[in-house]
Amino acid sequence: MNEKDKEIDWDKLLDLMDGNRTGESLTEEELAMLAAAKEMQSRLGAEKFPEEEGWQSFVQARDRRQDRRFTLVKLAAAAILVLAIGAALWTFLPRQHTPQLANEMPVGKVRLKLSNGHEITLGGDTQVIQNNGIAAIKAGQSSLVYDAGADRAVVTAMDTLEVPRGLQFTLRLADSTRVWLNAGSRLIYPAAFNGPSREVYVQGEAYFDVAADIERPFLVHTGKVTMKVLGTAFNVNTYGPGIQTTLSSGKLLVTAGQEHTILAPDEQAVYNDKNGSLQKRTVEARVFTAWMEGDLFFEDATLLDITGYLARNYDYVFVFEDPTLEKISFTLDMRRPAVLQDVLNQISHSMGNLRFRVEGKTVHIMKRQ
């Protein structure tokens, strides 16, 4: 029996046909069946209604409303099927993805470790870190300032300032010497200079603008190289296999073991770790100091060298899909943007055969097809 047949009270319909019930409330299905039955009854009484044809007519009348509902069910099922197919196509067919951009900001924090072992995270609101007889220390969002106190005792314990990848930071030492620290660098120094000399230690890259003090020479140590100045401005870079010291102004004595050389402005000393040699050459100082002025300046540099710098300064990783691209050289001169993507756009504009694909914090370099 059809499910809709079960919803009809056939006993009630038979009683109504026999006249045993009146005023009964009927459903739409029951009203349709009652009308069909009465039509059959009248035709049979007039002997104008064949039995087989009459039964078929009754069945058709009975099922008419059910057919309508079944049609709606079929339409609904078809709609569900279309949606299911669409979902499957969306899931499995290849789609055009929006390229990811290299717009992520670095997450590292600048840290100051005081000589007493206390460690402080910098880069937020202005804060007074220390204020005693040796020195007063105040930190801002991107700078740190030391002011010498009244105590003139010799300070031997050292503070350490660490700048992570992707950030830069400036420091004013207690003698008013200014230091710019590039990404991934560390400076070790005393809170005050009360001895016969002023000595600091650097790893990474730093630019020094040394306050003049003829009685107390300023010494910068890095690895096996020492730089001695009275008042000058210079850049130190220890990122590579050797150590580069580039002079912007003044005069600088560079010593490595038994070797030494004196630099004039726009000269550079290069110490080779492998053979211990110290070489001097003439350079354009701005190429090596532009970073502290907020510029990106590369002159006839290889893409490998440029991406090495960008990796540190934006905290990304670069992968060359084609190793031959590492040796491509070109010149880049622009203000340092906040995000790496702007630099990649500039390089792509200058080198039309290059393409960059960004995946998270990794940049893939390939030839444009």
Protein backbone atom coordinates (compact mmCIF):
# COMPACT_ATOMS: atom_id res chain seq x y z
CA MET A 1 0.00 0.00 0.00
CA ASN A 2 1.24 3.52 -0.85
CA GLU A 3 2.35 5.60 2.16
CA LYS A 4 -0.25 8.23 1.31
CA ASP A 5 -2.98 5.54 1.31
CA LYS A 6 -2.16 4.88 4.96
CA GLU A 7 -2.92 8.53 5.75
CA ILE A 8 -6.57 8.12 4.55
CA ASP A 9 -9.28 6.76 6.89
CA TRP A 10 -10.99 4.38 4.42
CA ASP A 11 -13.58 3.21 6.96
CA LYS A 12 -14.70 6.79 7.44
CA LEU A 13 -15.01 7.26 3.67
CA LEU A 14 -17.10 4.07 3.31
CA ASP A 15 -19.46 5.19 6.08
CA LEU A 16 -19.88 8.56 4.35
CA MET A 17 -20.61 6.83 1.05
CA ASP A 18 -23.26 4.69 2.83
CA GLY A 19 -24.77 7.73 4.55
CA ASN A 20 -23.83 6.54 8.03
CA ARG A 21 -21.80 9.65 8.84
CA THR A 22 -22.33 13.37 8.23
CA GLY A 23 -20.46 16.54 9.04
CA GLU A 24 -17.16 14.73 9.27
CA SER A 25 -13.97 16.82 8.91
CA LEU A 26 -11.84 15.45 6.09
CA THR A 27 -8.28 15.96 5.03
CA GLU A 28 -7.45 17.15 1.51
CA GLU A 29 -6.51 13.60 0.51
CA GLU A 30 -9.79 12.22 1.91
CA LEU A 31 -11.88 14.90 0.15
CA ALA A 32 -10.23 14.03 -3.17
CA MET A 33 -10.88 10.31 -2.69
CA LEU A 34 -14.52 10.95 -1.69
CA ALA A 35 -15.17 13.06 -4.78
CA ALA A 36 -13.65 10.40 -7.05
CA ALA A 37 -15.70 7.64 -5.41
CA LYS A 38 -18.98 9.56 -5.78
CA GLU A 39 -18.23 10.20 -9.45
CA MET A 40 -17.69 6.49 -10.00
CA GLN A 41 -20.87 5.69 -8.10
CA SER A 42 -22.96 7.99 -10.27
CA ARG A 43 -21.55 6.64 -13.50
CA LEU A 44 -22.04 3.06 -12.45
CA GLY A 45 -25.66 3.83 -11.60
CA ALA A 46 -26.17 5.22 -15.11
CA GLU A 47 -24.44 2.16 -16.55
CA LYS A 48 -22.08 4.44 -18.43
CA PHE A 49 -18.97 3.51 -16.56
CA PRO A 50 -16.97 0.38 -17.39
CA GLU A 51 -15.61 -1.32 -14.33
CA GLU A 52 -11.96 -1.43 -15.38
CA GLU A 53 -11.97 2.13 -16.67
CA GLY A 54 -13.72 3.27 -13.50
CA TRP A 55 -11.11 1.75 -11.25
CA GLN A 56 -8.28 3.37 -13.23
CA SER A 57 -10.00 6.73 -13.00
CA PHE A 58 -10.34 6.33 -9.24
CA VAL A 59 -6.69 5.44 -8.86
CA GLN A 60 -5.65 8.45 -10.97
CA ALA A 61 -7.83 10.79 -8.92
CA ARG A 62 -6.50 9.31 -5.70
CA ASP A 63 -2.91 9.74 -6.75
CA ARG A 64 -3.25 13.20 -8.30
CA ARG A 65 -2.29 15.08 -5.15
CA GLN A 66 0.35 12.50 -4.30
CA ASP A 67 1.89 13.04 -7.74
CA ARG A 68 2.16 16.76 -7.04
CA ARG A 69 3.98 16.11 -3.82
CA PHE A 70 6.20 13.52 -5.44
CA THR A 71 7.11 16.10 -8.10
CA LEU A 72 8.15 18.55 -5.38
CA VAL A 73 10.21 15.82 -3.74
CA LYS A 74 11.93 15.13 -7.04
CA LEU A 75 12.71 18.82 -7.52
CA ALA A 76 14.12 19.07 -4.00
CA ALA A 77 16.22 15.97 -4.55
CA ALA A 78 17.51 17.42 -7.84
CA ALA A 79 18.45 20.67 -6.08
CA ILE A 80 20.30 18.76 -3.37
CA LEU A 81 22.13 16.77 -6.05
CA VAL A 82 23.20 19.97 -7.84
CA LEU A 83 24.50 21.40 -4.57
CA ALA A 84 26.38 18.18 -3.81
CA ILE A 85 27.99 18.16 -7.26
CA GLY A 86 28.92 21.82 -6.88
CA ALA A 87 30.52 21.13 -3.52
CA ALA A 88 32.49 18.24 -4.97
CA LEU A 89 33.70 20.37 -7.88
CA TRP A 90 34.73 23.15 -5.46
CA THR A 91 36.66 20.64 -3.39
CA PHE A 92 38.41 18.61 -6.06
CA LEU A 93 38.74 20.76 -9.19
CA PRO A 94 41.81 23.08 -9.37
CA ARG A 95 41.04 26.66 -8.39
CA GLN A 96 42.89 29.93 -8.91
CA HIS A 97 44.37 30.83 -5.51
CA THR A 98 45.06 34.42 -4.52
CA PRO A 99 48.87 34.73 -4.29
CA GLN A 100 50.17 35.16 -0.76
CA LEU A 101 52.04 38.40 -0.10
CA ALA A 102 55.17 38.89 1.99
CA ASN A 103 53.47 41.32 4.37
CA GLU A 104 54.10 39.61 7.72
CA MET A 105 55.80 41.71 10.36
CA PRO A 106 58.67 40.32 12.47
CA VAL A 107 57.68 38.84 15.82
CA GLY A 108 61.02 39.05 17.63
CA LYS A 109 61.65 41.49 20.49
CA VAL A 110 64.69 43.57 21.40
CA ARG A 111 66.14 42.43 24.73
CA LEU A 112 68.39 44.16 27.23
CA LYS A 113 70.27 42.04 29.73
CA LEU A 114 71.69 44.08 32.57
CA SER A 115 74.95 43.21 34.32
CA ASN A 116 73.00 41.97 37.34
CA GLY A 117 71.30 39.33 35.16
CA HIS A 118 67.93 41.08 34.96
CA GLU A 119 66.47 40.82 31.43
CA ILE A 120 64.05 43.36 29.95
CA THR A 121 62.01 43.29 26.73
CA LEU A 122 62.16 46.59 24.82
CA GLY A 123 60.12 48.12 22.04
CA GLY A 124 57.02 49.30 23.92
CA ASP A 125 56.22 52.47 25.82
CA THR A 126 58.94 54.64 27.32
CA GLN A 127 60.24 53.16 30.56
CA VAL A 128 62.90 53.96 33.12
CA ILE A 129 64.94 50.80 33.54
CA GLN A 130 67.59 51.97 35.97
CA ASN A 131 68.41 55.14 37.86
CA ASN A 132 71.35 54.88 40.24
CA GLY A 133 74.77 56.38 40.86
CA ILE A 134 76.35 54.55 37.93
CA ALA A 135 73.87 55.40 35.17
CA ALA A 136 70.25 56.24 34.42
CA ILE A 137 68.76 54.06 31.65
CA LYS A 138 65.64 55.00 29.70
CA ALA A 139 64.11 52.96 26.86
CA GLY A 140 61.69 53.99 24.13
CA GLN A 141 60.03 52.14 21.27
CA SER A 142 63.18 51.95 19.11
CA SER A 143 65.96 53.43 21.20
CA LEU A 144 67.84 53.12 24.47
CA VAL A 145 69.60 55.97 26.30
CA TYR A 146 72.29 55.83 29.02
CA ASP A 147 73.22 58.86 31.10
CA ALA A 148 76.28 58.61 33.34
CA GLY A 149 75.73 59.01 37.09
CA ALA A 150 77.87 60.77 39.70
CA ASP A 151 79.68 57.58 40.76
CA ARG A 152 83.08 57.54 39.04
CA ALA A 153 84.08 54.01 40.03
CA VAL A 154 85.40 51.86 37.21
CA VAL A 155 82.62 49.67 35.78
CA THR A 156 83.71 46.20 34.71
CA ALA A 157 80.33 44.41 34.49
CA MET A 158 78.68 44.58 31.08
CA ASP A 159 75.16 45.09 29.76
CA THR A 160 74.05 43.28 26.57
CA LEU A 161 71.63 44.61 23.95
CA GLU A 162 70.28 42.02 21.49
CA VAL A 163 68.36 42.98 18.33
CA PRO A 164 66.55 40.09 16.57
CA ARG A 165 66.06 39.47 12.86
CA GLY A 166 63.66 41.92 11.26
CA LEU A 167 64.31 44.85 13.62
CA GLN A 168 66.74 47.73 14.05
CA PHE A 169 67.53 49.66 17.21
CA THR A 170 69.57 52.68 18.32
CA LEU A 171 71.55 53.22 21.49
CA ARG A 172 73.19 56.22 23.11
CA LEU A 173 75.99 55.18 25.41
CA ALA A 174 76.89 56.97 28.62
CA ASP A 175 79.69 58.96 26.86
CA SER A 176 77.15 60.21 24.23
CA THR A 177 78.45 57.84 21.53
CA ARG A 178 75.56 56.81 19.29
CA VAL A 179 75.22 53.25 17.99
CA TRP A 180 72.82 51.91 15.37
CA LEU A 181 72.32 48.14 15.54
CA ASN A 182 71.09 46.29 12.47
CA ALA A 183 68.90 43.17 12.47
CA GLY A 184 70.38 40.09 14.14
CA SER A 185 73.06 42.01 16.07
CA ARG A 186 74.40 42.22 19.63
CA LEU A 187 76.33 44.88 21.52
CA ILE A 188 78.09 44.30 24.86
CA TYR A 189 79.14 47.44 26.81
CA PRO A 190 79.43 48.92 30.32
CA ALA A 191 76.74 51.18 31.78
CA ALA A 192 79.38 53.92 32.20
CA PHE A 193 82.95 54.58 30.98
CA ASN A 194 85.03 55.62 34.00
CA GLY A 195 88.32 53.87 33.11
CA PRO A 196 91.23 54.88 30.86
CA SER A 197 89.49 53.58 27.72
CA ARG A 198 85.99 52.99 26.34
CA GLU A 199 85.57 49.41 25.15
CA VAL A 200 82.59 47.59 23.60
CA TYR A 201 82.03 44.28 21.78
CA VAL A 202 79.84 43.80 18.71
CA GLN A 203 78.42 40.90 16.72
CA GLY A 204 76.40 41.37 13.54
CA GLU A 205 76.32 44.89 12.12
CA ALA A 206 76.59 48.26 13.84
CA TYR A 207 77.27 51.86 12.91
CA PHE A 208 79.18 53.96 15.45
CA ASP A 209 79.22 57.74 15.74
CA VAL A 210 81.82 58.05 18.46
CA ALA A 211 81.89 61.02 20.84
CA ALA A 212 85.32 62.65 20.82
CA ASP A 213 87.43 62.15 23.96
CA ILE A 214 91.15 62.43 23.31
CA GLU A 215 92.04 61.12 26.77
CA ARG A 216 89.98 57.92 26.49
CA PRO A 217 90.20 56.11 23.15
CA PHE A 218 87.13 54.18 21.97
CA LEU A 219 87.79 50.50 21.18
CA VAL A 220 85.43 48.20 19.30
CA HIS A 221 86.17 44.47 19.48
CA THR A 222 84.71 41.88 17.14
CA GLY A 223 86.29 38.47 16.79
CA LYS A 224 90.00 38.93 16.15
CA VAL A 225 89.63 42.52 14.96
CA THR A 226 89.88 45.68 17.07
CA MET A 227 89.07 49.22 15.92
CA LYS A 228 90.58 52.17 17.80
CA VAL A 229 89.19 55.69 17.41
CA LEU A 230 89.28 59.06 19.13
CA GLY A 231 86.30 60.57 17.33
CA THR A 232 84.92 59.19 14.10
CA ALA A 233 81.97 57.47 12.36
CA PHE A 234 82.26 53.98 10.90
CA ASN A 235 80.38 50.77 10.14
CA VAL A 236 81.27 47.25 11.30
CA ASN A 237 79.81 44.19 9.57
CA THR A 238 80.48 40.64 10.79
CA TYR A 239 77.62 38.89 8.93
CA GLY A 240 79.80 37.30 6.28
CA PRO A 241 82.78 34.95 6.47
CA GLY A 242 85.05 37.96 7.15
CA ILE A 243 84.81 41.26 9.01
CA GLN A 244 84.27 44.53 7.15
CA THR A 245 85.04 47.92 8.68
CA THR A 246 84.00 50.93 6.59
CA LEU A 247 84.91 54.49 7.53
CA SER A 248 82.53 57.40 6.91
CA SER A 249 84.44 60.21 8.61
CA GLY A 250 87.54 60.80 10.76
CA LYS A 251 90.40 58.30 11.02
CA LEU A 252 90.35 54.70 12.22
CA LEU A 253 93.05 52.25 13.25
CA VAL A 254 92.09 48.63 12.50
CA THR A 255 94.16 45.83 14.06
CA ALA A 256 93.99 42.05 13.49
CA GLY A 257 96.72 40.02 15.17
CA GLN A 258 100.05 41.39 14.00
CA GLU A 259 98.53 43.32 11.12
CA HIS A 260 97.05 46.78 11.17
CA THR A 261 95.89 49.48 8.79
CA ILE A 262 94.67 53.06 9.07
CA LEU A 263 91.48 53.98 7.24
CA ALA A 264 90.49 57.31 5.74
CA PRO A 265 86.87 58.14 4.73
CA ASP A 266 85.51 55.87 1.95
CA GLU A 267 88.03 53.17 2.75
CA GLN A 268 87.30 49.70 4.03
CA ALA A 269 89.34 47.09 5.90
CA VAL A 270 88.43 43.43 5.23
CA TYR A 271 89.65 40.72 7.57
CA ASN A 272 89.71 37.17 6.15
CA ASP A 273 88.92 34.54 8.79
CA LYS A 274 90.46 31.72 6.76
CA ASN A 275 93.98 33.07 6.25
CA GLY A 276 94.06 35.87 8.85
CA SER A 277 94.85 38.57 6.27
CA LEU A 278 93.77 42.21 6.59
CA GLN A 279 93.19 44.06 3.32
CA LYS A 280 92.31 47.70 2.63
CA ARG A 281 90.29 48.94 -0.32
CA THR A 282 88.52 52.06 -1.55
CA VAL A 283 84.71 51.92 -1.50
CA GLU A 284 81.66 54.17 -1.53
CA ALA A 285 80.83 54.32 2.16
CA ARG A 286 77.11 54.90 1.55
CA VAL A 287 76.76 51.40 0.10
CA PHE A 288 77.67 50.03 3.53
CA THR A 289 75.99 52.63 5.75
CA ALA A 290 72.71 53.32 3.93
CA TRP A 291 70.83 50.93 6.22
CA MET A 292 71.22 53.20 9.27
CA GLU A 293 69.68 56.07 7.30
CA GLY A 294 66.62 53.99 6.45
CA ASP A 295 67.65 53.12 2.88
CA LEU A 296 68.15 49.93 0.90
CA PHE A 297 71.16 50.51 -1.34
CA PHE A 298 72.86 47.76 -3.35
CA GLU A 299 75.21 48.60 -6.19
CA ASP A 300 75.90 45.83 -8.70
CA ALA A 301 75.21 43.26 -5.98
CA THR A 302 74.27 39.62 -6.55
CA LEU A 303 70.74 38.45 -5.85
CA LEU A 304 72.21 36.03 -3.30
CA ASP A 305 73.77 38.89 -1.33
CA ILE A 306 70.63 41.02 -1.57
CA THR A 307 68.30 38.26 -0.41
CA GLY A 308 70.70 37.43 2.43
CA TYR A 309 70.33 40.98 3.67
CA LEU A 310 66.54 40.99 3.16
CA ALA A 311 66.24 37.68 5.04
CA ARG A 312 67.81 39.21 8.16
CA ASN A 313 66.05 42.55 7.93
CA TYR A 314 62.54 41.17 7.31
CA ASP A 315 62.88 37.81 9.07
CA TYR A 316 62.12 35.68 5.99
CA VAL A 317 63.78 32.68 4.34
CA PHE A 318 64.68 32.74 0.63
CA VAL A 319 64.88 29.60 -1.53
CA PHE A 320 66.34 29.65 -5.05
CA GLU A 321 64.44 27.16 -7.22
CA ASP A 322 67.10 27.73 -9.89
CA PRO A 323 70.63 28.12 -8.43
CA THR A 324 71.79 30.10 -11.49
CA LEU A 325 69.60 33.00 -10.32
CA GLU A 326 71.87 33.52 -7.30
CA LYS A 327 74.53 35.16 -9.50
CA ILE A 328 72.25 37.70 -11.16
CA SER A 329 73.49 41.18 -10.20
CA PHE A 330 71.77 44.56 -10.27
CA THR A 331 71.50 47.86 -8.42
CA LEU A 332 68.73 48.69 -5.96
CA ASP A 333 68.27 52.07 -4.28
CA MET A 334 65.04 52.77 -2.35
CA ARG A 335 63.69 53.78 1.03
CA ARG A 336 63.35 50.77 3.29
CA PRO A 337 59.63 49.87 3.27
CA ALA A 338 57.84 48.42 6.26
CA VAL A 339 57.05 45.12 4.51
CA LEU A 340 59.14 42.84 2.31
CA GLN A 341 56.50 42.63 -0.45
CA ASP A 342 57.27 46.20 -1.55
CA VAL A 343 60.91 45.24 -2.08
CA LEU A 344 59.96 42.11 -4.04
CA ASN A 345 57.69 44.22 -6.26
CA GLN A 346 60.57 46.59 -6.99
CA ILE A 347 62.94 43.75 -7.84
CA SER A 348 60.32 42.11 -10.10
CA HIS A 349 59.83 45.43 -11.89
CA SER A 350 63.58 45.80 -12.43
CA MET A 351 64.18 42.14 -13.34
CA GLY A 352 61.26 41.04 -15.51
CA ASN A 353 62.48 37.43 -15.73
CA LEU A 354 62.12 36.81 -11.98
CA ARG A 355 59.08 35.57 -10.10
CA PHE A 356 58.56 35.27 -6.34
CA ARG A 357 56.17 32.80 -4.66
CA VAL A 358 55.48 33.35 -0.98
CA GLU A 359 54.57 30.47 1.35
CA GLY A 360 54.32 31.59 4.96
CA LYS A 361 57.70 33.09 5.86
CA THR A 362 59.48 31.50 2.89
CA VAL A 363 60.03 33.22 -0.48
CA HIS A 364 60.70 30.98 -3.49
CA ILE A 365 62.65 32.58 -6.35
CA MET A 366 62.18 31.24 -9.88
CA LYS A 367 62.32 32.23 -13.53
CA ARG A 368 59.18 33.69 -15.00
CA GLN A 369 57.64 31.32 -17.54
